[in-house]
Amino acid sequence: MKKTAPQTAVDSSAVDAAKAEPLMRGATLRQLRAFTLVAQHHSFAKAAAELHLTPSAVSLQIRELEHASGLALFDRHAKTVSLTRAGEVLLVDVQHALSNLQHGAEAVARLRRPARAEVRVGMVSSVKYFVPRLLAQFREQQPGVALQLQVGNRGSLLDRLRRREIDLAVMGAPPVDLAAHAESFAEQPLGIIAAPEHELARASGVSPSALSQFEFILREPGSGTHAAFERFVQEHAISLPLRREMHGNAAVKHAVMANLGVAFMSLHAAALELQSGLLVSVDVIGLPLVRRWYVVAADPSTISDVARALRALIVDRGTRGSVVAGPSRG
């Protein structure tokens, strides 16, 4: 009689694991990117705007991701969305995975092009009046370094830091919701400006409560100036029924020079107009508010040596008081 070979025992759990369909196997990078942006903005519409897609396209991607995971990732409300418990758990790993992919893509890109040191710098619009002078000094010291400059409000710069799209950001109030390293380097005076012919331009010792009768031109929400002014208004219980918002310091200054209202802004940003008499700093009790400028790195342990050198130059010039003397004329 022919003998059969003895069968080898097999772990049934290993067989089950091999046969099991991997969770999230069908998920795409586009779906994961959409998921993180919806979670960040609590809105399909805002995520769609950043992705240059329609809200319905983003909603479809989220539904497909939920189908792949087998769980609801968001609770839908009338005007907003919030993460479910499953969404909160998934978000941590998705953000980590996307960050690793970004680092990998950057590493491969560096291998494909000639090695050249580069620093990506973001700045709020109020500092573009003096930070470029520091960058020029840095380029004189290190002419082989490529400098990439981006200007945006505080909110947009924090988003770019999170996504590692910039190495350093120069801004006012340092972030509290981001594991970043911030170093202050100079004082930032914030005050109220007006056209020379405005009623407040000739006043002295103006009470904060008296400001409620005047029309204000404000920076857009998301800017550090807007946030600082809202805190000032709340601290002094000021009601401002007449207010309009404009994007960027240049638009605000032009509106004020046209005597459409007064504005609260960084006096550094209005230095040239104040020096030339096109604008006047209003004498308000408790102003100017003196804040600090900061240079921020999202993860100082991973920034390059040249980025670290630029940060050191900015801090050094600022602490010596040679940063914000005001723009030169002529």
Protein backbone atom coordinates (compact mmCIF):
# COMPACT_ATOMS: atom_id res chain seq x y z
CA MET A 1 0.00 0.00 0.00
CA LYS A 2 1.29 3.41 -0.94
CA LYS A 3 1.89 5.68 2.03
CA THR A 4 0.88 9.33 1.92
CA ALA A 5 3.11 12.07 3.27
CA PRO A 6 2.08 13.42 6.65
CA GLN A 7 0.33 16.77 6.54
CA THR A 8 1.98 19.73 8.18
CA ALA A 9 -0.11 21.62 10.68
CA VAL A 10 -0.98 25.14 9.55
CA ASP A 11 -1.96 28.02 11.81
CA SER A 12 -5.55 28.78 10.81
CA SER A 13 -5.22 32.41 11.96
CA ALA A 14 -2.37 32.94 9.47
CA VAL A 15 -4.55 31.58 6.68
CA ASP A 16 -7.39 33.89 7.68
CA ALA A 17 -5.05 36.88 7.76
CA ALA A 18 -3.69 36.03 4.30
CA LYS A 19 -7.20 35.77 2.88
CA ALA A 20 -8.48 38.94 4.57
CA GLU A 21 -8.95 41.99 2.39
CA PRO A 22 -6.58 44.73 3.67
CA LEU A 23 -8.48 47.59 5.29
CA MET A 24 -8.43 50.82 3.22
CA ARG A 25 -6.88 48.96 0.27
CA GLY A 26 -8.85 51.03 -2.21
CA ALA A 27 -8.00 54.40 -0.64
CA THR A 28 -6.21 56.87 -2.90
CA LEU A 29 -3.86 59.71 -2.04
CA ARG A 30 -6.40 62.18 -3.37
CA GLN A 31 -9.04 60.80 -1.01
CA LEU A 32 -6.66 60.96 1.96
CA ARG A 33 -5.68 64.54 1.08
CA ALA A 34 -9.34 65.51 0.85
CA PHE A 35 -10.01 63.79 4.18
CA THR A 36 -7.30 65.79 6.00
CA LEU A 37 -8.49 69.11 4.54
CA VAL A 38 -12.15 68.51 5.42
CA ALA A 39 -11.04 67.58 8.95
CA GLN A 40 -8.91 70.74 9.15
CA HIS A 41 -11.55 73.17 7.82
CA HIS A 42 -14.67 71.36 9.13
CA SER A 43 -16.10 72.11 5.70
CA PHE A 44 -16.39 70.35 2.35
CA ALA A 45 -16.59 73.71 0.55
CA LYS A 46 -13.36 75.08 2.03
CA ALA A 47 -11.52 71.83 1.37
CA ALA A 48 -12.80 71.86 -2.21
CA ALA A 49 -11.59 75.44 -2.72
CA GLU A 50 -8.08 74.50 -1.58
CA LEU A 51 -8.06 71.43 -3.84
CA HIS A 52 -9.56 73.37 -6.78
CA LEU A 53 -12.46 70.91 -6.93
CA THR A 54 -16.20 71.16 -6.46
CA PRO A 55 -17.70 70.38 -3.03
CA SER A 56 -19.61 67.47 -4.60
CA ALA A 57 -16.34 65.97 -5.90
CA VAL A 58 -14.79 66.19 -2.43
CA SER A 59 -17.95 64.70 -0.88
CA LEU A 60 -17.73 61.78 -3.32
CA GLN A 61 -14.10 61.14 -2.37
CA ILE A 62 -15.01 61.08 1.32
CA ARG A 63 -17.89 58.68 0.68
CA GLU A 64 -15.55 56.36 -1.22
CA LEU A 65 -13.03 56.53 1.62
CA GLU A 66 -15.75 55.73 4.15
CA HIS A 67 -16.82 52.78 1.99
CA ALA A 68 -13.22 51.52 1.91
CA SER A 69 -12.89 51.83 5.68
CA GLY A 70 -16.36 50.48 6.43
CA LEU A 71 -16.95 53.29 8.93
CA ALA A 72 -18.38 56.80 8.95
CA LEU A 73 -15.52 59.29 9.26
CA PHE A 74 -17.57 62.49 9.61
CA ASP A 75 -20.76 63.60 11.31
CA ARG A 76 -22.60 65.88 8.88
CA HIS A 77 -24.31 68.96 10.30
CA ALA A 78 -26.25 71.80 8.67
CA LYS A 79 -23.27 74.06 7.95
CA THR A 80 -20.26 72.13 9.16
CA VAL A 81 -18.85 68.65 9.65
CA SER A 82 -16.96 67.05 12.52
CA LEU A 83 -14.86 63.93 12.85
CA THR A 84 -16.33 60.78 14.28
CA ARG A 85 -14.24 58.71 16.69
CA ALA A 86 -13.12 56.57 13.74
CA GLY A 87 -12.19 59.72 11.83
CA GLU A 88 -10.13 61.03 14.74
CA VAL A 89 -8.20 57.77 14.96
CA LEU A 90 -7.62 57.62 11.21
CA LEU A 91 -6.56 61.29 10.91
CA VAL A 92 -3.45 60.82 13.05
CA ASP A 93 -2.05 58.04 10.86
CA VAL A 94 -3.12 59.68 7.60
CA GLN A 95 -1.33 62.91 8.50
CA HIS A 96 1.76 60.92 9.44
CA ALA A 97 1.63 58.94 6.19
CA LEU A 98 1.18 62.05 4.03
CA SER A 99 4.05 63.76 5.83
CA ASN A 100 6.31 60.76 5.18
CA LEU A 101 5.31 60.72 1.52
CA GLN A 102 6.09 64.43 1.24
CA HIS A 103 9.52 63.91 2.80
CA GLY A 104 10.12 61.00 0.43
CA ALA A 105 9.09 63.02 -2.61
CA GLU A 106 11.37 65.88 -1.56
CA ALA A 107 14.27 63.46 -1.07
CA VAL A 108 13.77 61.96 -4.53
CA ALA A 109 13.45 65.42 -6.07
CA ARG A 110 16.75 66.43 -4.52
CA LEU A 111 18.41 63.42 -6.16
CA ARG A 112 17.04 64.43 -9.57
CA ARG A 113 18.42 67.97 -9.58
CA PRO A 114 21.86 69.41 -8.92
CA ALA A 115 22.47 69.95 -5.24
CA ARG A 116 21.85 73.56 -4.28
CA ALA A 117 21.07 74.89 -0.85
CA GLU A 118 17.62 76.43 -0.59
CA VAL A 119 15.54 78.20 2.07
CA ARG A 120 11.79 78.70 1.73
CA VAL A 121 10.63 81.72 3.72
CA GLY A 122 7.07 82.82 4.38
CA MET A 123 6.18 86.21 5.80
CA VAL A 124 3.08 88.17 6.75
CA SER A 125 2.56 91.26 4.62
CA SER A 126 3.44 93.65 7.46
CA VAL A 127 7.07 92.47 7.50
CA LYS A 128 7.69 92.64 3.77
CA TYR A 129 8.72 96.25 4.41
CA PHE A 130 11.88 95.22 6.27
CA VAL A 131 12.52 91.46 6.04
CA PRO A 132 13.74 91.65 2.40
CA ARG A 133 16.64 93.81 3.62
CA LEU A 134 17.65 90.99 5.95
CA LEU A 135 17.36 88.46 3.15
CA ALA A 136 19.62 90.64 0.99
CA GLN A 137 22.22 90.67 3.78
CA PHE A 138 21.97 86.89 4.04
CA ARG A 139 22.43 86.43 0.29
CA GLU A 140 25.55 88.59 0.42
CA GLN A 141 26.93 86.22 3.06
CA GLN A 142 25.83 83.05 1.25
CA PRO A 143 25.45 83.83 -2.48
CA GLY A 144 25.01 80.17 -3.41
CA VAL A 145 21.77 79.79 -1.43
CA ALA A 146 18.45 80.03 -3.30
CA LEU A 147 15.74 81.97 -1.45
CA GLN A 148 12.05 81.31 -2.08
CA LEU A 149 9.71 83.98 -0.70
CA GLN A 150 5.98 83.66 -0.02
CA VAL A 151 3.72 86.36 1.43
CA GLY A 152 0.41 85.56 3.13
CA ASN A 153 -1.60 86.17 6.25
CA ARG A 154 -0.90 84.37 9.52
CA GLY A 155 -3.42 81.60 8.88
CA SER A 156 -2.06 80.69 5.46
CA LEU A 157 1.54 80.66 6.74
CA LEU A 158 0.64 78.27 9.55
CA ASP A 159 -0.98 75.94 7.00
CA ARG A 160 2.22 76.02 4.92
CA LEU A 161 4.33 75.27 7.98
CA ARG A 162 2.13 72.27 8.79
CA ARG A 163 2.49 70.95 5.26
CA ARG A 164 6.28 71.62 5.28
CA GLU A 165 5.90 73.93 2.28
CA ILE A 166 8.11 76.55 3.95
CA ASP A 167 11.11 76.24 6.27
CA LEU A 168 10.69 79.50 8.19
CA ALA A 169 7.83 81.93 8.75
CA VAL A 170 8.11 85.51 9.99
CA MET A 171 4.94 86.63 11.77
CA GLY A 172 3.47 88.30 14.83
CA ALA A 173 1.89 86.09 17.48
CA PRO A 174 3.55 82.64 17.51
CA PRO A 175 1.31 79.59 16.92
CA VAL A 176 -0.23 77.85 19.93
CA ASP A 177 -1.77 74.93 18.02
CA LEU A 178 1.37 73.84 16.19
CA ALA A 179 4.43 72.10 17.60
CA ALA A 180 6.78 74.80 16.35
CA HIS A 181 9.84 76.66 17.60
CA ALA A 182 9.46 80.45 17.68
CA GLU A 183 12.10 83.05 18.48
CA SER A 184 11.24 86.73 18.94
CA PHE A 185 13.55 89.24 17.32
CA ALA A 186 12.00 92.74 17.33
CA GLU A 187 9.18 94.87 18.69
CA GLN A 188 6.04 95.40 16.65
CA PRO A 189 3.96 98.55 17.41
CA LEU A 190 0.27 98.34 16.52
CA GLY A 191 -1.79 101.51 16.39
CA ILE A 192 -4.54 103.41 14.64
CA ILE A 193 -3.85 105.41 11.49
CA ALA A 194 -5.95 108.07 9.78
CA ALA A 195 -5.80 110.50 6.87
CA PRO A 196 -4.40 113.95 7.84
CA GLU A 197 -7.82 115.54 7.25
CA HIS A 198 -9.68 113.04 9.44
CA GLU A 199 -11.20 114.31 12.70
CA LEU A 200 -9.09 111.91 14.79
CA ALA A 201 -5.83 113.09 13.20
CA ARG A 202 -6.03 116.35 15.19
CA ALA A 203 -7.22 114.78 18.46
CA SER A 204 -5.07 113.88 21.47
CA GLY A 205 -5.64 111.46 24.31
CA VAL A 206 -8.55 109.76 22.54
CA SER A 207 -10.44 107.32 24.75
CA PRO A 208 -10.82 103.80 23.31
CA SER A 209 -14.59 104.02 23.91
CA ALA A 210 -14.76 107.08 21.63
CA LEU A 211 -13.65 104.97 18.68
CA SER A 212 -17.09 103.39 18.35
CA GLN A 213 -18.44 106.39 16.41
CA PHE A 214 -15.90 106.09 13.58
CA GLU A 215 -15.77 103.77 10.60
CA PHE A 216 -12.92 101.25 10.64
CA ILE A 217 -11.12 99.57 7.77
CA LEU A 218 -9.91 96.16 8.98
CA ARG A 219 -7.61 93.46 7.66
CA GLU A 220 -9.24 90.19 6.64
CA PRO A 221 -9.94 87.44 9.22
CA GLY A 222 -6.94 85.14 9.51
CA SER A 223 -4.44 87.98 9.72
CA GLY A 224 -2.58 88.56 12.99
CA THR A 225 -3.51 92.26 12.86
CA HIS A 226 -7.21 91.42 12.71
CA ALA A 227 -6.89 89.07 15.69
CA ALA A 228 -4.94 91.65 17.73
CA PHE A 229 -7.57 94.32 17.04
CA GLU A 230 -10.42 92.01 18.05
CA ARG A 231 -8.66 91.40 21.38
CA PHE A 232 -8.21 95.17 21.86
CA VAL A 233 -11.92 95.77 21.13
CA GLN A 234 -13.00 93.05 23.56
CA GLU A 235 -10.69 94.25 26.34
CA HIS A 236 -12.11 97.78 26.12
CA ALA A 237 -15.72 96.70 25.41
CA ILE A 238 -15.83 98.77 22.23
CA SER A 239 -18.75 98.42 19.84
CA LEU A 240 -17.86 99.08 16.19
CA PRO A 241 -21.05 99.20 14.09
CA LEU A 242 -19.20 100.76 11.13
CA ARG A 243 -16.54 98.39 9.87
CA ARG A 244 -15.42 96.90 6.59
CA GLU A 245 -12.72 94.37 5.78
CA MET A 246 -10.09 94.47 3.06
CA HIS A 247 -7.40 91.99 2.08
CA GLY A 248 -3.83 93.14 2.66
CA ASN A 249 -2.18 96.22 4.13
CA ALA A 250 -1.90 98.04 0.81
CA ALA A 251 -5.68 98.05 0.26
CA VAL A 252 -6.28 99.16 3.86
CA LYS A 253 -3.79 102.04 3.60
CA HIS A 254 -5.24 103.30 0.32
CA ALA A 255 -8.74 103.28 1.80
CA VAL A 256 -7.55 105.24 4.83
CA MET A 257 -5.64 107.74 2.68
CA ALA A 258 -8.89 108.28 0.75
CA ASN A 259 -10.48 109.11 4.14
CA LEU A 260 -12.96 106.23 3.97
CA GLY A 261 -12.22 105.41 7.60
CA VAL A 262 -9.45 104.73 10.08
CA ALA A 263 -7.50 101.51 10.54
CA PHE A 264 -5.68 99.48 13.16
CA MET A 265 -2.44 98.10 11.79
CA SER A 266 1.27 97.60 12.29
CA LEU A 267 2.98 100.99 12.27
CA HIS A 268 5.92 99.31 10.54
CA ALA A 269 3.65 98.55 7.58
CA ALA A 270 2.67 102.23 7.37
CA ALA A 271 6.14 103.64 8.11
CA LEU A 272 6.70 105.28 4.71
CA GLU A 273 3.24 106.89 4.62
CA LEU A 274 3.62 108.13 8.19
CA GLN A 275 7.03 109.62 7.43
CA SER A 276 5.76 111.35 4.29
CA GLY A 277 2.62 112.76 5.96
CA LEU A 278 0.17 110.75 3.86
CA LEU A 279 -1.06 109.11 7.05
CA VAL A 280 -1.15 110.12 10.71
CA SER A 281 -0.82 107.94 13.81
CA VAL A 282 -3.82 108.66 16.05
CA ASP A 283 -3.13 109.41 19.73
CA VAL A 284 -5.31 106.81 21.47
CA ILE A 285 -4.95 106.02 25.17
CA GLY A 286 -3.32 102.59 25.56
CA LEU A 287 -1.87 102.59 22.04
CA PRO A 288 0.32 101.66 20.39
CA LEU A 289 0.22 98.06 21.50
CA VAL A 290 3.73 96.69 21.47
CA ARG A 291 3.96 93.10 20.36
CA ARG A 292 6.90 91.06 19.08
CA TRP A 293 7.92 89.75 15.69
CA TYR A 294 8.81 86.04 15.59
CA VAL A 295 10.68 83.76 13.22
CA VAL A 296 9.07 80.33 13.36
CA ALA A 297 10.28 76.88 12.28
CA ALA A 298 7.79 74.00 12.27
CA ASP A 299 10.39 71.43 13.31
CA PRO A 300 13.78 72.99 14.09
CA SER A 301 15.41 69.55 14.37
CA THR A 302 14.87 68.90 10.65
CA ILE A 303 15.56 72.29 9.07
CA SER A 304 18.69 72.65 6.99
CA ASP A 305 21.88 74.33 8.09
CA VAL A 306 21.26 77.27 5.76
CA ALA A 307 17.73 77.76 7.15
CA ARG A 308 19.20 77.68 10.64
CA ALA A 309 21.80 80.26 9.60
CA LEU A 310 19.12 82.58 8.19
CA ARG A 311 17.08 82.28 11.38
CA ALA A 312 20.17 83.18 13.42
CA LEU A 313 20.80 86.27 11.25
CA ILE A 314 17.21 87.51 11.65
CA VAL A 315 17.30 87.06 15.42
CA ASP A 316 20.74 88.68 15.70
CA ARG A 317 19.79 91.77 13.68
CA GLY A 318 16.52 92.10 15.55
CA THR A 319 17.96 91.88 19.04
CA ARG A 320 20.52 94.54 18.06
CA GLY A 321 17.71 96.86 17.00
CA SER A 322 18.76 97.17 13.36
CA VAL A 323 15.82 95.44 11.73
CA VAL A 324 12.87 97.82 11.61
CA ALA A 325 14.31 101.30 11.40
CA GLY A 326 11.78 101.98 8.64
CA PRO A 327 12.08 102.04 4.88
CA SER A 328 14.45 104.53 3.38
CA ARG A 329 13.21 107.27 1.08
CA GLY A 330 14.73 108.49 -2.11
